[in-house]
């Protein structure tokens, strides 16, 4: 369970890791 604030803090990191693996979706 992520709150909105926790999502805001971590979404860029998660997105970068996903793109590192070539998973744009």
PDBML (XML) file of the C-alpha atoms, coordinates in Angstrom:
<?xml version="1.0" encoding="UTF-8" ?>
<PDBx:datablock datablockName="MODEL"
   xmlns:PDBx="http://pdbml.pdb.org/schema/pdbx-v50.xsd"
   xmlns:xsi="http://www.w3.org/2001/XMLSchema-instance"
   xsi:schemaLocation="http://pdbml.pdb.org/schema/pdbx-v50.xsd pdbx-v50.xsd">
   <PDBx:atom_siteCategory>
      <PDBx:atom_site id="1">
         <PDBx:B_iso_or_equiv>0.00</PDBx:B_iso_or_equiv>
         <PDBx:Cartn_x>0.000</PDBx:Cartn_x>
         <PDBx:Cartn_y>0.000</PDBx:Cartn_y>
         <PDBx:Cartn_z>0.000</PDBx:Cartn_z>
         <PDBx:auth_asym_id>A</PDBx:auth_asym_id>
         <PDBx:auth_atom_id>CA</PDBx:auth_atom_id>
         <PDBx:auth_comp_id>UNK</PDBx:auth_comp_id>
         <PDBx:auth_seq_id>1</PDBx:auth_seq_id>
         <PDBx:group_PDB>ATOM</PDBx:group_PDB>
         <PDBx:label_alt_id xsi:nil="true" />
         <PDBx:label_asym_id>A</PDBx:label_asym_id>
         <PDBx:label_atom_id>CA</PDBx:label_atom_id>
         <PDBx:label_comp_id>UNK</PDBx:label_comp_id>
         <PDBx:label_entity_id>1</PDBx:label_entity_id>
         <PDBx:label_seq_id>1</PDBx:label_seq_id>
         <PDBx:occupancy>1.00</PDBx:occupancy>
         <PDBx:pdbx_PDB_model_num>1</PDBx:pdbx_PDB_model_num>
         <PDBx:type_symbol>C</PDBx:type_symbol>
      </PDBx:atom_site>
      <PDBx:atom_site id="2">
         <PDBx:B_iso_or_equiv>0.00</PDBx:B_iso_or_equiv>
         <PDBx:Cartn_x>1.578</PDBx:Cartn_x>
         <PDBx:Cartn_y>3.284</PDBx:Cartn_y>
         <PDBx:Cartn_z>-1.172</PDBx:Cartn_z>
         <PDBx:auth_asym_id>A</PDBx:auth_asym_id>
         <PDBx:auth_atom_id>CA</PDBx:auth_atom_id>
         <PDBx:auth_comp_id>UNK</PDBx:auth_comp_id>
         <PDBx:auth_seq_id>2</PDBx:auth_seq_id>
         <PDBx:group_PDB>ATOM</PDBx:group_PDB>
         <PDBx:label_alt_id xsi:nil="true" />
         <PDBx:label_asym_id>A</PDBx:label_asym_id>
         <PDBx:label_atom_id>CA</PDBx:label_atom_id>
         <PDBx:label_comp_id>UNK</PDBx:label_comp_id>
         <PDBx:label_entity_id>1</PDBx:label_entity_id>
         <PDBx:label_seq_id>2</PDBx:label_seq_id>
         <PDBx:occupancy>1.00</PDBx:occupancy>
         <PDBx:pdbx_PDB_model_num>1</PDBx:pdbx_PDB_model_num>
         <PDBx:type_symbol>C</PDBx:type_symbol>
      </PDBx:atom_site>
      <PDBx:atom_site id="3">
         <PDBx:B_iso_or_equiv>0.00</PDBx:B_iso_or_equiv>
         <PDBx:Cartn_x>0.123</PDBx:Cartn_x>
         <PDBx:Cartn_y>6.649</PDBx:Cartn_y>
         <PDBx:Cartn_z>-0.214</PDBx:Cartn_z>
         <PDBx:auth_asym_id>A</PDBx:auth_asym_id>
         <PDBx:auth_atom_id>CA</PDBx:auth_atom_id>
         <PDBx:auth_comp_id>UNK</PDBx:auth_comp_id>
         <PDBx:auth_seq_id>3</PDBx:auth_seq_id>
         <PDBx:group_PDB>ATOM</PDBx:group_PDB>
         <PDBx:label_alt_id xsi:nil="true" />
         <PDBx:label_asym_id>A</PDBx:label_asym_id>
         <PDBx:label_atom_id>CA</PDBx:label_atom_id>
         <PDBx:label_comp_id>UNK</PDBx:label_comp_id>
         <PDBx:label_entity_id>1</PDBx:label_entity_id>
         <PDBx:label_seq_id>3</PDBx:label_seq_id>
         <PDBx:occupancy>1.00</PDBx:occupancy>
         <PDBx:pdbx_PDB_model_num>1</PDBx:pdbx_PDB_model_num>
         <PDBx:type_symbol>C</PDBx:type_symbol>
      </PDBx:atom_site>
      <PDBx:atom_site id="4">
         <PDBx:B_iso_or_equiv>0.00</PDBx:B_iso_or_equiv>
         <PDBx:Cartn_x>0.143</PDBx:Cartn_x>
         <PDBx:Cartn_y>9.452</PDBx:Cartn_y>
         <PDBx:Cartn_z>-2.779</PDBx:Cartn_z>
         <PDBx:auth_asym_id>A</PDBx:auth_asym_id>
         <PDBx:auth_atom_id>CA</PDBx:auth_atom_id>
         <PDBx:auth_comp_id>UNK</PDBx:auth_comp_id>
         <PDBx:auth_seq_id>4</PDBx:auth_seq_id>
         <PDBx:group_PDB>ATOM</PDBx:group_PDB>
         <PDBx:label_alt_id xsi:nil="true" />
         <PDBx:label_asym_id>A</PDBx:label_asym_id>
         <PDBx:label_atom_id>CA</PDBx:label_atom_id>
         <PDBx:label_comp_id>UNK</PDBx:label_comp_id>
         <PDBx:label_entity_id>1</PDBx:label_entity_id>
         <PDBx:label_seq_id>4</PDBx:label_seq_id>
         <PDBx:occupancy>1.00</PDBx:occupancy>
         <PDBx:pdbx_PDB_model_num>1</PDBx:pdbx_PDB_model_num>
         <PDBx:type_symbol>C</PDBx:type_symbol>
      </PDBx:atom_site>
      <PDBx:atom_site id="5">
         <PDBx:B_iso_or_equiv>0.00</PDBx:B_iso_or_equiv>
         <PDBx:Cartn_x>3.136</PDBx:Cartn_x>
         <PDBx:Cartn_y>11.106</PDBx:Cartn_y>
         <PDBx:Cartn_z>-1.134</PDBx:Cartn_z>
         <PDBx:auth_asym_id>A</PDBx:auth_asym_id>
         <PDBx:auth_atom_id>CA</PDBx:auth_atom_id>
         <PDBx:auth_comp_id>UNK</PDBx:auth_comp_id>
         <PDBx:auth_seq_id>5</PDBx:auth_seq_id>
         <PDBx:group_PDB>ATOM</PDBx:group_PDB>
         <PDBx:label_alt_id xsi:nil="true" />
         <PDBx:label_asym_id>A</PDBx:label_asym_id>
         <PDBx:label_atom_id>CA</PDBx:label_atom_id>
         <PDBx:label_comp_id>UNK</PDBx:label_comp_id>
         <PDBx:label_entity_id>1</PDBx:label_entity_id>
         <PDBx:label_seq_id>5</PDBx:label_seq_id>
         <PDBx:occupancy>1.00</PDBx:occupancy>
         <PDBx:pdbx_PDB_model_num>1</PDBx:pdbx_PDB_model_num>
         <PDBx:type_symbol>C</PDBx:type_symbol>
      </PDBx:atom_site>
      <PDBx:atom_site id="6">
         <PDBx:B_iso_or_equiv>0.00</PDBx:B_iso_or_equiv>
         <PDBx:Cartn_x>5.150</PDBx:Cartn_x>
         <PDBx:Cartn_y>7.881</PDBx:Cartn_y>
         <PDBx:Cartn_z>-1.085</PDBx:Cartn_z>
         <PDBx:auth_asym_id>A</PDBx:auth_asym_id>
         <PDBx:auth_atom_id>CA</PDBx:auth_atom_id>
         <PDBx:auth_comp_id>UNK</PDBx:auth_comp_id>
         <PDBx:auth_seq_id>6</PDBx:auth_seq_id>
         <PDBx:group_PDB>ATOM</PDBx:group_PDB>
         <PDBx:label_alt_id xsi:nil="true" />
         <PDBx:label_asym_id>A</PDBx:label_asym_id>
         <PDBx:label_atom_id>CA</PDBx:label_atom_id>
         <PDBx:label_comp_id>UNK</PDBx:label_comp_id>
         <PDBx:label_entity_id>1</PDBx:label_entity_id>
         <PDBx:label_seq_id>6</PDBx:label_seq_id>
         <PDBx:occupancy>1.00</PDBx:occupancy>
         <PDBx:pdbx_PDB_model_num>1</PDBx:pdbx_PDB_model_num>
         <PDBx:type_symbol>C</PDBx:type_symbol>
      </PDBx:atom_site>
      <PDBx:atom_site id="7">
         <PDBx:B_iso_or_equiv>0.00</PDBx:B_iso_or_equiv>
         <PDBx:Cartn_x>4.245</PDBx:Cartn_x>
         <PDBx:Cartn_y>7.362</PDBx:Cartn_y>
         <PDBx:Cartn_z>-4.750</PDBx:Cartn_z>
         <PDBx:auth_asym_id>A</PDBx:auth_asym_id>
         <PDBx:auth_atom_id>CA</PDBx:auth_atom_id>
         <PDBx:auth_comp_id>UNK</PDBx:auth_comp_id>
         <PDBx:auth_seq_id>7</PDBx:auth_seq_id>
         <PDBx:group_PDB>ATOM</PDBx:group_PDB>
         <PDBx:label_alt_id xsi:nil="true" />
         <PDBx:label_asym_id>A</PDBx:label_asym_id>
         <PDBx:label_atom_id>CA</PDBx:label_atom_id>
         <PDBx:label_comp_id>UNK</PDBx:label_comp_id>
         <PDBx:label_entity_id>1</PDBx:label_entity_id>
         <PDBx:label_seq_id>7</PDBx:label_seq_id>
         <PDBx:occupancy>1.00</PDBx:occupancy>
         <PDBx:pdbx_PDB_model_num>1</PDBx:pdbx_PDB_model_num>
         <PDBx:type_symbol>C</PDBx:type_symbol>
      </PDBx:atom_site>
      <PDBx:atom_site id="8">
         <PDBx:B_iso_or_equiv>0.00</PDBx:B_iso_or_equiv>
         <PDBx:Cartn_x>5.422</PDBx:Cartn_x>
         <PDBx:Cartn_y>10.885</PDBx:Cartn_y>
         <PDBx:Cartn_z>-5.607</PDBx:Cartn_z>
         <PDBx:auth_asym_id>A</PDBx:auth_asym_id>
         <PDBx:auth_atom_id>CA</PDBx:auth_atom_id>
         <PDBx:auth_comp_id>UNK</PDBx:auth_comp_id>
         <PDBx:auth_seq_id>8</PDBx:auth_seq_id>
         <PDBx:group_PDB>ATOM</PDBx:group_PDB>
         <PDBx:label_alt_id xsi:nil="true" />
         <PDBx:label_asym_id>A</PDBx:label_asym_id>
         <PDBx:label_atom_id>CA</PDBx:label_atom_id>
         <PDBx:label_comp_id>UNK</PDBx:label_comp_id>
         <PDBx:label_entity_id>1</PDBx:label_entity_id>
         <PDBx:label_seq_id>8</PDBx:label_seq_id>
         <PDBx:occupancy>1.00</PDBx:occupancy>
         <PDBx:pdbx_PDB_model_num>1</PDBx:pdbx_PDB_model_num>
         <PDBx:type_symbol>C</PDBx:type_symbol>
      </PDBx:atom_site>
      <PDBx:atom_site id="9">
         <PDBx:B_iso_or_equiv>0.00</PDBx:B_iso_or_equiv>
         <PDBx:Cartn_x>8.757</PDBx:Cartn_x>
         <PDBx:Cartn_y>10.276</PDBx:Cartn_y>
         <PDBx:Cartn_z>-3.908</PDBx:Cartn_z>
         <PDBx:auth_asym_id>A</PDBx:auth_asym_id>
         <PDBx:auth_atom_id>CA</PDBx:auth_atom_id>
         <PDBx:auth_comp_id>UNK</PDBx:auth_comp_id>
         <PDBx:auth_seq_id>9</PDBx:auth_seq_id>
         <PDBx:group_PDB>ATOM</PDBx:group_PDB>
         <PDBx:label_alt_id xsi:nil="true" />
         <PDBx:label_asym_id>A</PDBx:label_asym_id>
         <PDBx:label_atom_id>CA</PDBx:label_atom_id>
         <PDBx:label_comp_id>UNK</PDBx:label_comp_id>
         <PDBx:label_entity_id>1</PDBx:label_entity_id>
         <PDBx:label_seq_id>9</PDBx:label_seq_id>
         <PDBx:occupancy>1.00</PDBx:occupancy>
         <PDBx:pdbx_PDB_model_num>1</PDBx:pdbx_PDB_model_num>
         <PDBx:type_symbol>C</PDBx:type_symbol>
      </PDBx:atom_site>
      <PDBx:atom_site id="10">
         <PDBx:B_iso_or_equiv>0.00</PDBx:B_iso_or_equiv>
         <PDBx:Cartn_x>9.391</PDBx:Cartn_x>
         <PDBx:Cartn_y>6.951</PDBx:Cartn_y>
         <PDBx:Cartn_z>-5.635</PDBx:Cartn_z>
         <PDBx:auth_asym_id>A</PDBx:auth_asym_id>
         <PDBx:auth_atom_id>CA</PDBx:auth_atom_id>
         <PDBx:auth_comp_id>UNK</PDBx:auth_comp_id>
         <PDBx:auth_seq_id>10</PDBx:auth_seq_id>
         <PDBx:group_PDB>ATOM</PDBx:group_PDB>
         <PDBx:label_alt_id xsi:nil="true" />
         <PDBx:label_asym_id>A</PDBx:label_asym_id>
         <PDBx:label_atom_id>CA</PDBx:label_atom_id>
         <PDBx:label_comp_id>UNK</PDBx:label_comp_id>
         <PDBx:label_entity_id>1</PDBx:label_entity_id>
         <PDBx:label_seq_id>10</PDBx:label_seq_id>
         <PDBx:occupancy>1.00</PDBx:occupancy>
         <PDBx:pdbx_PDB_model_num>1</PDBx:pdbx_PDB_model_num>
         <PDBx:type_symbol>C</PDBx:type_symbol>
      </PDBx:atom_site>
      <PDBx:atom_site id="11">
         <PDBx:B_iso_or_equiv>0.00</PDBx:B_iso_or_equiv>
         <PDBx:Cartn_x>7.622</PDBx:Cartn_x>
         <PDBx:Cartn_y>6.973</PDBx:Cartn_y>
         <PDBx:Cartn_z>-9.004</PDBx:Cartn_z>
         <PDBx:auth_asym_id>A</PDBx:auth_asym_id>
         <PDBx:auth_atom_id>CA</PDBx:auth_atom_id>
         <PDBx:auth_comp_id>UNK</PDBx:auth_comp_id>
         <PDBx:auth_seq_id>11</PDBx:auth_seq_id>
         <PDBx:group_PDB>ATOM</PDBx:group_PDB>
         <PDBx:label_alt_id xsi:nil="true" />
         <PDBx:label_asym_id>A</PDBx:label_asym_id>
         <PDBx:label_atom_id>CA</PDBx:label_atom_id>
         <PDBx:label_comp_id>UNK</PDBx:label_comp_id>
         <PDBx:label_entity_id>1</PDBx:label_entity_id>
         <PDBx:label_seq_id>11</PDBx:label_seq_id>
         <PDBx:occupancy>1.00</PDBx:occupancy>
         <PDBx:pdbx_PDB_model_num>1</PDBx:pdbx_PDB_model_num>
         <PDBx:type_symbol>C</PDBx:type_symbol>
      </PDBx:atom_site>
      <PDBx:atom_site id="12">
         <PDBx:B_iso_or_equiv>0.00</PDBx:B_iso_or_equiv>
         <PDBx:Cartn_x>10.587</PDBx:Cartn_x>
         <PDBx:Cartn_y>8.489</PDBx:Cartn_y>
         <PDBx:Cartn_z>-10.903</PDBx:Cartn_z>
         <PDBx:auth_asym_id>A</PDBx:auth_asym_id>
         <PDBx:auth_atom_id>CA</PDBx:auth_atom_id>
         <PDBx:auth_comp_id>UNK</PDBx:auth_comp_id>
         <PDBx:auth_seq_id>12</PDBx:auth_seq_id>
         <PDBx:group_PDB>ATOM</PDBx:group_PDB>
         <PDBx:label_alt_id xsi:nil="true" />
         <PDBx:label_asym_id>A</PDBx:label_asym_id>
         <PDBx:label_atom_id>CA</PDBx:label_atom_id>
         <PDBx:label_comp_id>UNK</PDBx:label_comp_id>
         <PDBx:label_entity_id>1</PDBx:label_entity_id>
         <PDBx:label_seq_id>12</PDBx:label_seq_id>
         <PDBx:occupancy>1.00</PDBx:occupancy>
         <PDBx:pdbx_PDB_model_num>1</PDBx:pdbx_PDB_model_num>
         <PDBx:type_symbol>C</PDBx:type_symbol>
      </PDBx:atom_site>
      <PDBx:atom_site id="13">
         <PDBx:B_iso_or_equiv>0.00</PDBx:B_iso_or_equiv>
         <PDBx:Cartn_x>12.925</PDBx:Cartn_x>
         <PDBx:Cartn_y>5.859</PDBx:Cartn_y>
         <PDBx:Cartn_z>-9.472</PDBx:Cartn_z>
         <PDBx:auth_asym_id>A</PDBx:auth_asym_id>
         <PDBx:auth_atom_id>CA</PDBx:auth_atom_id>
         <PDBx:auth_comp_id>UNK</PDBx:auth_comp_id>
         <PDBx:auth_seq_id>13</PDBx:auth_seq_id>
         <PDBx:group_PDB>ATOM</PDBx:group_PDB>
         <PDBx:label_alt_id xsi:nil="true" />
         <PDBx:label_asym_id>A</PDBx:label_asym_id>
         <PDBx:label_atom_id>CA</PDBx:label_atom_id>
         <PDBx:label_comp_id>UNK</PDBx:label_comp_id>
         <PDBx:label_entity_id>1</PDBx:label_entity_id>
         <PDBx:label_seq_id>13</PDBx:label_seq_id>
         <PDBx:occupancy>1.00</PDBx:occupancy>
         <PDBx:pdbx_PDB_model_num>1</PDBx:pdbx_PDB_model_num>
         <PDBx:type_symbol>C</PDBx:type_symbol>
      </PDBx:atom_site>
      <PDBx:atom_site id="14">
         <PDBx:B_iso_or_equiv>0.00</PDBx:B_iso_or_equiv>
         <PDBx:Cartn_x>10.557</PDBx:Cartn_x>
         <PDBx:Cartn_y>3.032</PDBx:Cartn_y>
         <PDBx:Cartn_z>-10.394</PDBx:Cartn_z>
         <PDBx:auth_asym_id>A</PDBx:auth_asym_id>
         <PDBx:auth_atom_id>CA</PDBx:auth_atom_id>
         <PDBx:auth_comp_id>UNK</PDBx:auth_comp_id>
         <PDBx:auth_seq_id>14</PDBx:auth_seq_id>
         <PDBx:group_PDB>ATOM</PDBx:group_PDB>
         <PDBx:label_alt_id xsi:nil="true" />
         <PDBx:label_asym_id>A</PDBx:label_asym_id>
         <PDBx:label_atom_id>CA</PDBx:label_atom_id>
         <PDBx:label_comp_id>UNK</PDBx:label_comp_id>
         <PDBx:label_entity_id>1</PDBx:label_entity_id>
         <PDBx:label_seq_id>14</PDBx:label_seq_id>
         <PDBx:occupancy>1.00</PDBx:occupancy>
         <PDBx:pdbx_PDB_model_num>1</PDBx:pdbx_PDB_model_num>
         <PDBx:type_symbol>C</PDBx:type_symbol>
      </PDBx:atom_site>
      <PDBx:atom_site id="15">
         <PDBx:B_iso_or_equiv>0.00</PDBx:B_iso_or_equiv>
         <PDBx:Cartn_x>10.080</PDBx:Cartn_x>
         <PDBx:Cartn_y>4.403</PDBx:Cartn_y>
         <PDBx:Cartn_z>-13.905</PDBx:Cartn_z>
         <PDBx:auth_asym_id>A</PDBx:auth_asym_id>
         <PDBx:auth_atom_id>CA</PDBx:auth_atom_id>
         <PDBx:auth_comp_id>UNK</PDBx:auth_comp_id>
         <PDBx:auth_seq_id>15</PDBx:auth_seq_id>
         <PDBx:group_PDB>ATOM</PDBx:group_PDB>
         <PDBx:label_alt_id xsi:nil="true" />
         <PDBx:label_asym_id>A</PDBx:label_asym_id>
         <PDBx:label_atom_id>CA</PDBx:label_atom_id>
         <PDBx:label_comp_id>UNK</PDBx:label_comp_id>
         <PDBx:label_entity_id>1</PDBx:label_entity_id>
         <PDBx:label_seq_id>15</PDBx:label_seq_id>
         <PDBx:occupancy>1.00</PDBx:occupancy>
         <PDBx:pdbx_PDB_model_num>1</PDBx:pdbx_PDB_model_num>
         <PDBx:type_symbol>C</PDBx:type_symbol>
      </PDBx:atom_site>
      <PDBx:atom_site id="16">
         <PDBx:B_iso_or_equiv>0.00</PDBx:B_iso_or_equiv>
         <PDBx:Cartn_x>13.833</PDBx:Cartn_x>
         <PDBx:Cartn_y>4.671</PDBx:Cartn_y>
         <PDBx:Cartn_z>-14.443</PDBx:Cartn_z>
         <PDBx:auth_asym_id>A</PDBx:auth_asym_id>
         <PDBx:auth_atom_id>CA</PDBx:auth_atom_id>
         <PDBx:auth_comp_id>UNK</PDBx:auth_comp_id>
         <PDBx:auth_seq_id>16</PDBx:auth_seq_id>
         <PDBx:group_PDB>ATOM</PDBx:group_PDB>
         <PDBx:label_alt_id xsi:nil="true" />
         <PDBx:label_asym_id>A</PDBx:label_asym_id>
         <PDBx:label_atom_id>CA</PDBx:label_atom_id>
         <PDBx:label_comp_id>UNK</PDBx:label_comp_id>
         <PDBx:label_entity_id>1</PDBx:label_entity_id>
         <PDBx:label_seq_id>16</PDBx:label_seq_id>
         <PDBx:occupancy>1.00</PDBx:occupancy>
         <PDBx:pdbx_PDB_model_num>1</PDBx:pdbx_PDB_model_num>
         <PDBx:type_symbol>C</PDBx:type_symbol>
      </PDBx:atom_site>
      <PDBx:atom_site id="17">
         <PDBx:B_iso_or_equiv>0.00</PDBx:B_iso_or_equiv>
         <PDBx:Cartn_x>14.330</PDBx:Cartn_x>
         <PDBx:Cartn_y>1.058</PDBx:Cartn_y>
         <PDBx:Cartn_z>-13.334</PDBx:Cartn_z>
         <PDBx:auth_asym_id>A</PDBx:auth_asym_id>
         <PDBx:auth_atom_id>CA</PDBx:auth_atom_id>
         <PDBx:auth_comp_id>UNK</PDBx:auth_comp_id>
         <PDBx:auth_seq_id>17</PDBx:auth_seq_id>
         <PDBx:group_PDB>ATOM</PDBx:group_PDB>
         <PDBx:label_alt_id xsi:nil="true" />
         <PDBx:label_asym_id>A</PDBx:label_asym_id>
         <PDBx:label_atom_id>CA</PDBx:label_atom_id>
         <PDBx:label_comp_id>UNK</PDBx:label_comp_id>
         <PDBx:label_entity_id>1</PDBx:label_entity_id>
         <PDBx:label_seq_id>17</PDBx:label_seq_id>
         <PDBx:occupancy>1.00</PDBx:occupancy>
         <PDBx:pdbx_PDB_model_num>1</PDBx:pdbx_PDB_model_num>
         <PDBx:type_symbol>C</PDBx:type_symbol>
      </PDBx:atom_site>
      <PDBx:atom_site id="18">
         <PDBx:B_iso_or_equiv>0.00</PDBx:B_iso_or_equiv>
         <PDBx:Cartn_x>11.541</PDBx:Cartn_x>
         <PDBx:Cartn_y>-0.104</PDBx:Cartn_y>
         <PDBx:Cartn_z>-15.654</PDBx:Cartn_z>
         <PDBx:auth_asym_id>A</PDBx:auth_asym_id>
         <PDBx:auth_atom_id>CA</PDBx:auth_atom_id>
         <PDBx:auth_comp_id>UNK</PDBx:auth_comp_id>
         <PDBx:auth_seq_id>18</PDBx:auth_seq_id>
         <PDBx:group_PDB>ATOM</PDBx:group_PDB>
         <PDBx:label_alt_id xsi:nil="true" />
         <PDBx:label_asym_id>A</PDBx:label_asym_id>
         <PDBx:label_atom_id>CA</PDBx:label_atom_id>
         <PDBx:label_comp_id>UNK</PDBx:label_comp_id>
         <PDBx:label_entity_id>1</PDBx:label_entity_id>
         <PDBx:label_seq_id>18</PDBx:label_seq_id>
         <PDBx:occupancy>1.00</PDBx:occupancy>
         <PDBx:pdbx_PDB_model_num>1</PDBx:pdbx_PDB_model_num>
         <PDBx:type_symbol>C</PDBx:type_symbol>
      </PDBx:atom_site>
      <PDBx:atom_site id="19">
         <PDBx:B_iso_or_equiv>0.00</PDBx:B_iso_or_equiv>
         <PDBx:Cartn_x>13.106</PDBx:Cartn_x>
         <PDBx:Cartn_y>1.683</PDBx:Cartn_y>
         <PDBx:Cartn_z>-18.619</PDBx:Cartn_z>
         <PDBx:auth_asym_id>A</PDBx:auth_asym_id>
         <PDBx:auth_atom_id>CA</PDBx:auth_atom_id>
         <PDBx:auth_comp_id>UNK</PDBx:auth_comp_id>
         <PDBx:auth_seq_id>19</PDBx:auth_seq_id>
         <PDBx:group_PDB>ATOM</PDBx:group_PDB>
         <PDBx:label_alt_id xsi:nil="true" />
         <PDBx:label_asym_id>A</PDBx:label_asym_id>
         <PDBx:label_atom_id>CA</PDBx:label_atom_id>
         <PDBx:label_comp_id>UNK</PDBx:label_comp_id>
         <PDBx:label_entity_id>1</PDBx:label_entity_id>
         <PDBx:label_seq_id>19</PDBx:label_seq_id>
         <PDBx:occupancy>1.00</PDBx:occupancy>
         <PDBx:pdbx_PDB_model_num>1</PDBx:pdbx_PDB_model_num>
         <PDBx:type_symbol>C</PDBx:type_symbol>
      </PDBx:atom_site>
      <PDBx:atom_site id="20">
         <PDBx:B_iso_or_equiv>0.00</PDBx:B_iso_or_equiv>
         <PDBx:Cartn_x>16.472</PDBx:Cartn_x>
         <PDBx:Cartn_y>0.189</PDBx:Cartn_y>
         <PDBx:Cartn_z>-17.709</PDBx:Cartn_z>
         <PDBx:auth_asym_id>A</PDBx:auth_asym_id>
         <PDBx:auth_atom_id>CA</PDBx:auth_atom_id>
         <PDBx:auth_comp_id>UNK</PDBx:auth_comp_id>
         <PDBx:auth_seq_id>20</PDBx:auth_seq_id>
         <PDBx:group_PDB>ATOM</PDBx:group_PDB>
         <PDBx:label_alt_id xsi:nil="true" />
         <PDBx:label_asym_id>A</PDBx:label_asym_id>
         <PDBx:label_atom_id>CA</PDBx:label_atom_id>
         <PDBx:label_comp_id>UNK</PDBx:label_comp_id>
         <PDBx:label_entity_id>1</PDBx:label_entity_id>
         <PDBx:label_seq_id>20</PDBx:label_seq_id>
         <PDBx:occupancy>1.00</PDBx:occupancy>
         <PDBx:pdbx_PDB_model_num>1</PDBx:pdbx_PDB_model_num>
         <PDBx:type_symbol>C</PDBx:type_symbol>
      </PDBx:atom_site>
      <PDBx:atom_site id="21">
         <PDBx:B_iso_or_equiv>0.00</PDBx:B_iso_or_equiv>
         <PDBx:Cartn_x>14.874</PDBx:Cartn_x>
         <PDBx:Cartn_y>-3.165</PDBx:Cartn_y>
         <PDBx:Cartn_z>-18.462</PDBx:Cartn_z>
         <PDBx:auth_asym_id>A</PDBx:auth_asym_id>
         <PDBx:auth_atom_id>CA</PDBx:auth_atom_id>
         <PDBx:auth_comp_id>UNK</PDBx:auth_comp_id>
         <PDBx:auth_seq_id>21</PDBx:auth_seq_id>
         <PDBx:group_PDB>ATOM</PDBx:group_PDB>
         <PDBx:label_alt_id xsi:nil="true" />
         <PDBx:label_asym_id>A</PDBx:label_asym_id>
         <PDBx:label_atom_id>CA</PDBx:label_atom_id>
         <PDBx:label_comp_id>UNK</PDBx:label_comp_id>
         <PDBx:label_entity_id>1</PDBx:label_entity_id>
         <PDBx:label_seq_id>21</PDBx:label_seq_id>
         <PDBx:occupancy>1.00</PDBx:occupancy>
         <PDBx:pdbx_PDB_model_num>1</PDBx:pdbx_PDB_model_num>
         <PDBx:type_symbol>C</PDBx:type_symbol>
      </PDBx:atom_site>
      <PDBx:atom_site id="22">
         <PDBx:B_iso_or_equiv>0.00</PDBx:B_iso_or_equiv>
         <PDBx:Cartn_x>13.212</PDBx:Cartn_x>
         <PDBx:Cartn_y>-1.883</PDBx:Cartn_y>
         <PDBx:Cartn_z>-21.641</PDBx:Cartn_z>
         <PDBx:auth_asym_id>A</PDBx:auth_asym_id>
         <PDBx:auth_atom_id>CA</PDBx:auth_atom_id>
         <PDBx:auth_comp_id>UNK</PDBx:auth_comp_id>
         <PDBx:auth_seq_id>22</PDBx:auth_seq_id>
         <PDBx:group_PDB>ATOM</PDBx:group_PDB>
         <PDBx:label_alt_id xsi:nil="true" />
         <PDBx:label_asym_id>A</PDBx:label_asym_id>
         <PDBx:label_atom_id>CA</PDBx:label_atom_id>
         <PDBx:label_comp_id>UNK</PDBx:label_comp_id>
         <PDBx:label_entity_id>1</PDBx:label_entity_id>
         <PDBx:label_seq_id>22</PDBx:label_seq_id>
         <PDBx:occupancy>1.00</PDBx:occupancy>
         <PDBx:pdbx_PDB_model_num>1</PDBx:pdbx_PDB_model_num>
         <PDBx:type_symbol>C</PDBx:type_symbol>
      </PDBx:atom_site>
      <PDBx:atom_site id="23">
         <PDBx:B_iso_or_equiv>0.00</PDBx:B_iso_or_equiv>
         <PDBx:Cartn_x>9.694</PDBx:Cartn_x>
         <PDBx:Cartn_y>-2.071</PDBx:Cartn_y>
         <PDBx:Cartn_z>-20.215</PDBx:Cartn_z>
         <PDBx:auth_asym_id>A</PDBx:auth_asym_id>
         <PDBx:auth_atom_id>CA</PDBx:auth_atom_id>
         <PDBx:auth_comp_id>UNK</PDBx:auth_comp_id>
         <PDBx:auth_seq_id>23</PDBx:auth_seq_id>
         <PDBx:group_PDB>ATOM</PDBx:group_PDB>
         <PDBx:label_alt_id xsi:nil="true" />
         <PDBx:label_asym_id>A</PDBx:label_asym_id>
         <PDBx:label_atom_id>CA</PDBx:label_atom_id>
         <PDBx:label_comp_id>UNK</PDBx:label_comp_id>
         <PDBx:label_entity_id>1</PDBx:label_entity_id>
         <PDBx:label_seq_id>23</PDBx:label_seq_id>
         <PDBx:occupancy>1.00</PDBx:occupancy>
         <PDBx:pdbx_PDB_model_num>1</PDBx:pdbx_PDB_model_num>
         <PDBx:type_symbol>C</PDBx:type_symbol>
      </PDBx:atom_site>
      <PDBx:atom_site id="24">
         <PDBx:B_iso_or_equiv>0.00</PDBx:B_iso_or_equiv>
         <PDBx:Cartn_x>8.124</PDBx:Cartn_x>
         <PDBx:Cartn_y>1.265</PDBx:Cartn_y>
         <PDBx:Cartn_z>-21.159</PDBx:Cartn_z>
         <PDBx:auth_asym_id>A</PDBx:auth_asym_id>
         <PDBx:auth_atom_id>CA</PDBx:auth_atom_id>
         <PDBx:auth_comp_id>UNK</PDBx:auth_comp_id>
         <PDBx:auth_seq_id>24</PDBx:auth_seq_id>
         <PDBx:group_PDB>ATOM</PDBx:group_PDB>
         <PDBx:label_alt_id xsi:nil="true" />
         <PDBx:label_asym_id>A</PDBx:label_asym_id>
         <PDBx:label_atom_id>CA</PDBx:label_atom_id>
         <PDBx:label_comp_id>UNK</PDBx:label_comp_id>
         <PDBx:label_entity_id>1</PDBx:label_entity_id>
         <PDBx:label_seq_id>24</PDBx:label_seq_id>
         <PDBx:occupancy>1.00</PDBx:occupancy>
         <PDBx:pdbx_PDB_model_num>1</PDBx:pdbx_PDB_model_num>
         <PDBx:type_symbol>C</PDBx:type_symbol>
      </PDBx:atom_site>
      <PDBx:atom_site id="25">
         <PDBx:B_iso_or_equiv>0.00</PDBx:B_iso_or_equiv>
         <PDBx:Cartn_x>4.650</PDBx:Cartn_x>
         <PDBx:Cartn_y>0.021</PDBx:Cartn_y>
         <PDBx:Cartn_z>-20.240</PDBx:Cartn_z>
         <PDBx:auth_asym_id>A</PDBx:auth_asym_id>
         <PDBx:auth_atom_id>CA</PDBx:auth_atom_id>
         <PDBx:auth_comp_id>UNK</PDBx:auth_comp_id>
         <PDBx:auth_seq_id>25</PDBx:auth_seq_id>
         <PDBx:group_PDB>ATOM</PDBx:group_PDB>
         <PDBx:label_alt_id xsi:nil="true" />
         <PDBx:label_asym_id>A</PDBx:label_asym_id>
         <PDBx:label_atom_id>CA</PDBx:label_atom_id>
         <PDBx:label_comp_id>UNK</PDBx:label_comp_id>
         <PDBx:label_entity_id>1</PDBx:label_entity_id>
         <PDBx:label_seq_id>25</PDBx:label_seq_id>
         <PDBx:occupancy>1.00</PDBx:occupancy>
         <PDBx:pdbx_PDB_model_num>1</PDBx:pdbx_PDB_model_num>
         <PDBx:type_symbol>C</PDBx:type_symbol>
      </PDBx:atom_site>
   </PDBx:atom_siteCategory>
</PDBx:datablock>
